[in-house]
Amino acid sequence: MPSPDQEHLLLRAVLGERLKLLAFLRSIVRRRDLAEDLFQDLCVLVLQKADQIPDVARLPAWLRTAARQLAMNALRKLGNRNLPLGEKVAELMEPHWRKMDPASGSSMGDALEACLAALSEPSRQLLKKRYTDGCSGEELSRQLGRPIGSLYTTFSRIHKKLAECILRRVPAAGGSHA
């Protein structure tokens, strides 16, 4: 069983890869809402399989493989016979995605930690319930008495705010240093 510190480190790294993972998932499923759902499922999967992840340096490739499998399974469950993007095409894209892997995740992780600290307490609590406690979207919707669509919109805004903050703090991620 992974330590809370290892889980925290992995979660920080996953959230630091959020924009790339969403782009990757969306390129496969072609639906923003489904890509968001799959990203959240991926975060839960990382926590469930934390002891099987070799190290944070190899996490981006592991995440893309897991994301691709989640996306293909979701499309199959939806009954899409003509998948928008076949698995072979996704495999061909892998070298291009690999080029975007950071050489070191520490600056991205540090930026994420600072950006998480800058969030409002309700936003941090919502992220904790979803990603650390493993509550599903439906569970949170019931607990908070909020429509699930509203909840997903809130998560999307929080993720966007985190991504923008990280991009300002990490020059290699495409922003200028804040």
Protein backbone atom coordinates (compact mmCIF):
# COMPACT_ATOMS: atom_id res chain seq x y z
CA MET A 1 0.00 0.00 0.00
CA PRO A 2 1.46 3.39 -0.98
CA SER A 3 2.15 6.01 1.66
CA PRO A 4 0.06 9.19 1.81
CA ASP A 5 3.18 11.08 0.70
CA GLN A 6 3.51 8.87 -2.40
CA GLU A 7 -0.18 9.31 -3.19
CA HIS A 8 0.17 13.08 -2.78
CA LEU A 9 3.22 13.14 -5.06
CA LEU A 10 1.42 11.10 -7.72
CA LEU A 11 -1.70 13.22 -7.53
CA ARG A 12 0.35 16.39 -7.88
CA ALA A 13 2.06 14.93 -10.95
CA VAL A 14 -1.27 13.87 -12.51
CA LEU A 15 -2.81 17.28 -11.99
CA GLY A 16 0.33 18.82 -13.48
CA GLU A 17 -0.32 16.74 -16.62
CA ARG A 18 -4.03 17.59 -16.71
CA LEU A 19 -4.07 19.75 -19.84
CA LYS A 20 -2.05 17.27 -21.88
CA LEU A 21 -4.13 14.34 -20.65
CA LEU A 22 -7.40 16.10 -21.44
CA ALA A 23 -6.13 16.93 -24.91
CA PHE A 24 -5.03 13.33 -25.35
CA LEU A 25 -8.36 11.93 -24.12
CA ARG A 26 -10.36 14.39 -26.18
CA SER A 27 -8.39 13.48 -29.29
CA ILE A 28 -9.61 9.91 -28.78
CA VAL A 29 -13.20 10.33 -27.57
CA ARG A 30 -14.01 13.64 -29.32
CA ARG A 31 -16.22 14.77 -26.45
CA ARG A 32 -15.19 17.30 -23.81
CA ASP A 33 -17.57 15.96 -21.14
CA LEU A 34 -16.42 12.37 -21.63
CA ALA A 35 -12.75 13.44 -21.59
CA GLU A 36 -13.36 15.24 -18.24
CA ASP A 37 -15.07 12.15 -16.80
CA LEU A 38 -12.23 9.93 -17.98
CA PHE A 39 -9.62 12.29 -16.50
CA GLN A 40 -11.34 12.02 -13.14
CA ASP A 41 -11.48 8.23 -13.49
CA LEU A 42 -7.78 8.29 -14.32
CA CYS A 43 -7.00 10.21 -11.12
CA VAL A 44 -8.85 7.61 -9.08
CA LEU A 45 -7.06 4.81 -10.97
CA VAL A 46 -3.67 6.37 -10.17
CA LEU A 47 -4.50 6.31 -6.47
CA GLN A 48 -5.76 2.73 -6.70
CA LYS A 49 -2.66 1.54 -8.58
CA ALA A 50 -0.09 3.80 -6.91
CA ASP A 51 1.96 0.83 -5.75
CA GLN A 52 2.25 -0.40 -9.36
CA ILE A 53 3.54 2.88 -10.80
CA PRO A 54 7.33 2.64 -11.12
CA ASP A 55 8.22 6.29 -10.49
CA VAL A 56 7.02 9.80 -11.18
CA ALA A 57 9.52 10.26 -14.04
CA ARG A 58 7.78 7.51 -16.03
CA LEU A 59 4.30 8.57 -14.97
CA PRO A 60 3.35 10.50 -18.16
CA ALA A 61 3.74 7.41 -20.36
CA TRP A 62 1.87 5.27 -17.81
CA LEU A 63 -0.91 7.86 -17.69
CA ARG A 64 -1.30 7.96 -21.47
CA THR A 65 -1.47 4.16 -21.65
CA ALA A 66 -4.07 4.03 -18.88
CA ALA A 67 -5.98 6.98 -20.39
CA ARG A 68 -6.04 5.32 -23.80
CA GLN A 69 -7.40 2.10 -22.27
CA LEU A 70 -10.05 4.00 -20.29
CA ALA A 71 -11.06 5.93 -23.42
CA MET A 72 -11.31 2.85 -25.62
CA ASN A 73 -13.31 1.00 -22.95
CA ALA A 74 -15.66 3.98 -22.57
CA LEU A 75 -16.22 4.16 -26.32
CA ARG A 76 -16.93 0.44 -26.47
CA LYS A 77 -19.42 0.74 -23.60
CA LEU A 78 -21.14 3.56 -25.44
CA GLY A 79 -21.54 1.16 -28.34
CA ASN A 80 -19.58 3.24 -30.82
CA ARG A 81 -18.83 0.78 -33.59
CA ASN A 82 -16.93 3.39 -35.58
CA LEU A 83 -14.50 4.65 -32.98
CA PRO A 84 -13.56 8.30 -33.67
CA LEU A 85 -9.90 7.41 -33.28
CA GLY A 86 -8.69 3.87 -33.56
CA GLU A 87 -6.22 2.36 -31.15
CA LYS A 88 -3.57 2.10 -33.88
CA VAL A 89 -3.78 5.84 -34.52
CA ALA A 90 -3.49 6.51 -30.77
CA GLU A 91 -0.36 4.31 -30.70
CA LEU A 92 1.09 6.22 -33.65
CA MET A 93 0.54 9.48 -31.75
CA GLU A 94 2.48 8.22 -28.69
CA PRO A 95 5.94 9.41 -29.84
CA HIS A 96 4.55 12.91 -30.36
CA TRP A 97 2.97 12.97 -26.91
CA ARG A 98 6.21 11.60 -25.39
CA LYS A 99 8.08 14.64 -26.72
CA MET A 100 5.94 16.80 -24.44
CA ASP A 101 6.91 14.87 -21.29
CA PRO A 102 8.81 17.12 -18.89
CA ALA A 103 12.42 16.21 -18.23
CA SER A 104 11.78 16.81 -14.55
CA GLY A 105 8.44 16.87 -12.85
CA SER A 106 9.69 18.67 -9.75
CA SER A 107 9.13 22.23 -10.99
CA MET A 108 5.67 21.24 -12.23
CA GLY A 109 4.93 19.59 -8.89
CA ASP A 110 6.16 22.61 -6.95
CA ALA A 111 3.99 24.86 -9.09
CA LEU A 112 0.97 22.62 -8.56
CA GLU A 113 1.51 22.64 -4.80
CA ALA A 114 1.65 26.45 -4.75
CA CYS A 115 -1.40 26.67 -7.01
CA LEU A 116 -3.37 24.22 -4.87
CA ALA A 117 -2.54 26.33 -1.82
CA ALA A 118 -3.86 29.41 -3.64
CA LEU A 119 -7.28 27.82 -4.24
CA SER A 120 -10.21 28.64 -1.99
CA GLU A 121 -10.83 26.22 0.86
CA PRO A 122 -14.10 24.93 -0.70
CA SER A 123 -12.25 24.17 -3.95
CA ARG A 124 -9.48 22.33 -2.11
CA GLN A 125 -12.06 20.34 -0.14
CA LEU A 126 -13.91 19.41 -3.32
CA LEU A 127 -10.67 18.17 -4.92
CA LYS A 128 -9.82 16.23 -1.75
CA LYS A 129 -13.21 14.52 -1.69
CA ARG A 130 -12.96 13.56 -5.36
CA TYR A 131 -9.31 12.59 -5.72
CA THR A 132 -8.07 11.70 -2.24
CA ASP A 133 -11.25 10.25 -0.75
CA GLY A 134 -12.28 8.73 -4.09
CA CYS A 135 -15.88 9.97 -4.15
CA SER A 136 -17.55 9.56 -7.52
CA GLY A 137 -19.23 12.46 -9.27
CA GLU A 138 -22.64 11.01 -8.45
CA GLU A 139 -21.69 10.56 -4.79
CA LEU A 140 -20.52 14.15 -4.51
CA SER A 141 -23.65 15.35 -6.26
CA ARG A 142 -25.79 13.60 -3.64
CA GLN A 143 -23.61 14.69 -0.70
CA LEU A 144 -23.59 18.32 -1.74
CA GLY A 145 -27.13 18.43 -3.11
CA ARG A 146 -25.89 19.82 -6.42
CA PRO A 147 -26.72 18.72 -9.95
CA ILE A 148 -23.92 16.62 -11.42
CA GLY A 149 -23.58 18.95 -14.42
CA SER A 150 -23.00 21.86 -12.08
CA LEU A 151 -20.42 19.85 -10.18
CA TYR A 152 -18.53 18.94 -13.37
CA THR A 153 -18.57 22.59 -14.38
CA THR A 154 -17.07 23.48 -11.00
CA PHE A 155 -14.35 20.82 -11.41
CA SER A 156 -13.62 22.09 -14.90
CA ARG A 157 -13.20 25.64 -13.59
CA ILE A 158 -10.96 24.48 -10.74
CA HIS A 159 -8.81 22.43 -13.16
CA LYS A 160 -8.60 25.38 -15.55
CA LYS A 161 -7.57 27.72 -12.74
CA LEU A 162 -4.88 25.26 -11.63
CA ALA A 163 -3.62 24.83 -15.19
CA GLU A 164 -3.41 28.59 -15.77
CA CYS A 165 -1.59 29.06 -12.47
CA ILE A 166 0.89 26.29 -13.32
CA LEU A 167 1.52 27.73 -16.78
CA ARG A 168 2.35 31.10 -15.21
CA ARG A 169 4.78 29.48 -12.77
CA VAL A 170 6.59 26.96 -14.99
CA PRO A 171 8.27 28.46 -18.07
CA ALA A 172 8.79 25.02 -19.66
CA ALA A 173 5.05 24.42 -19.52
CA GLY A 174 4.46 27.35 -21.83
CA GLY A 175 4.05 30.27 -19.44
CA SER A 176 6.27 32.93 -17.96
CA HIS A 177 7.58 32.64 -14.44
CA ALA A 178 5.34 34.33 -11.88
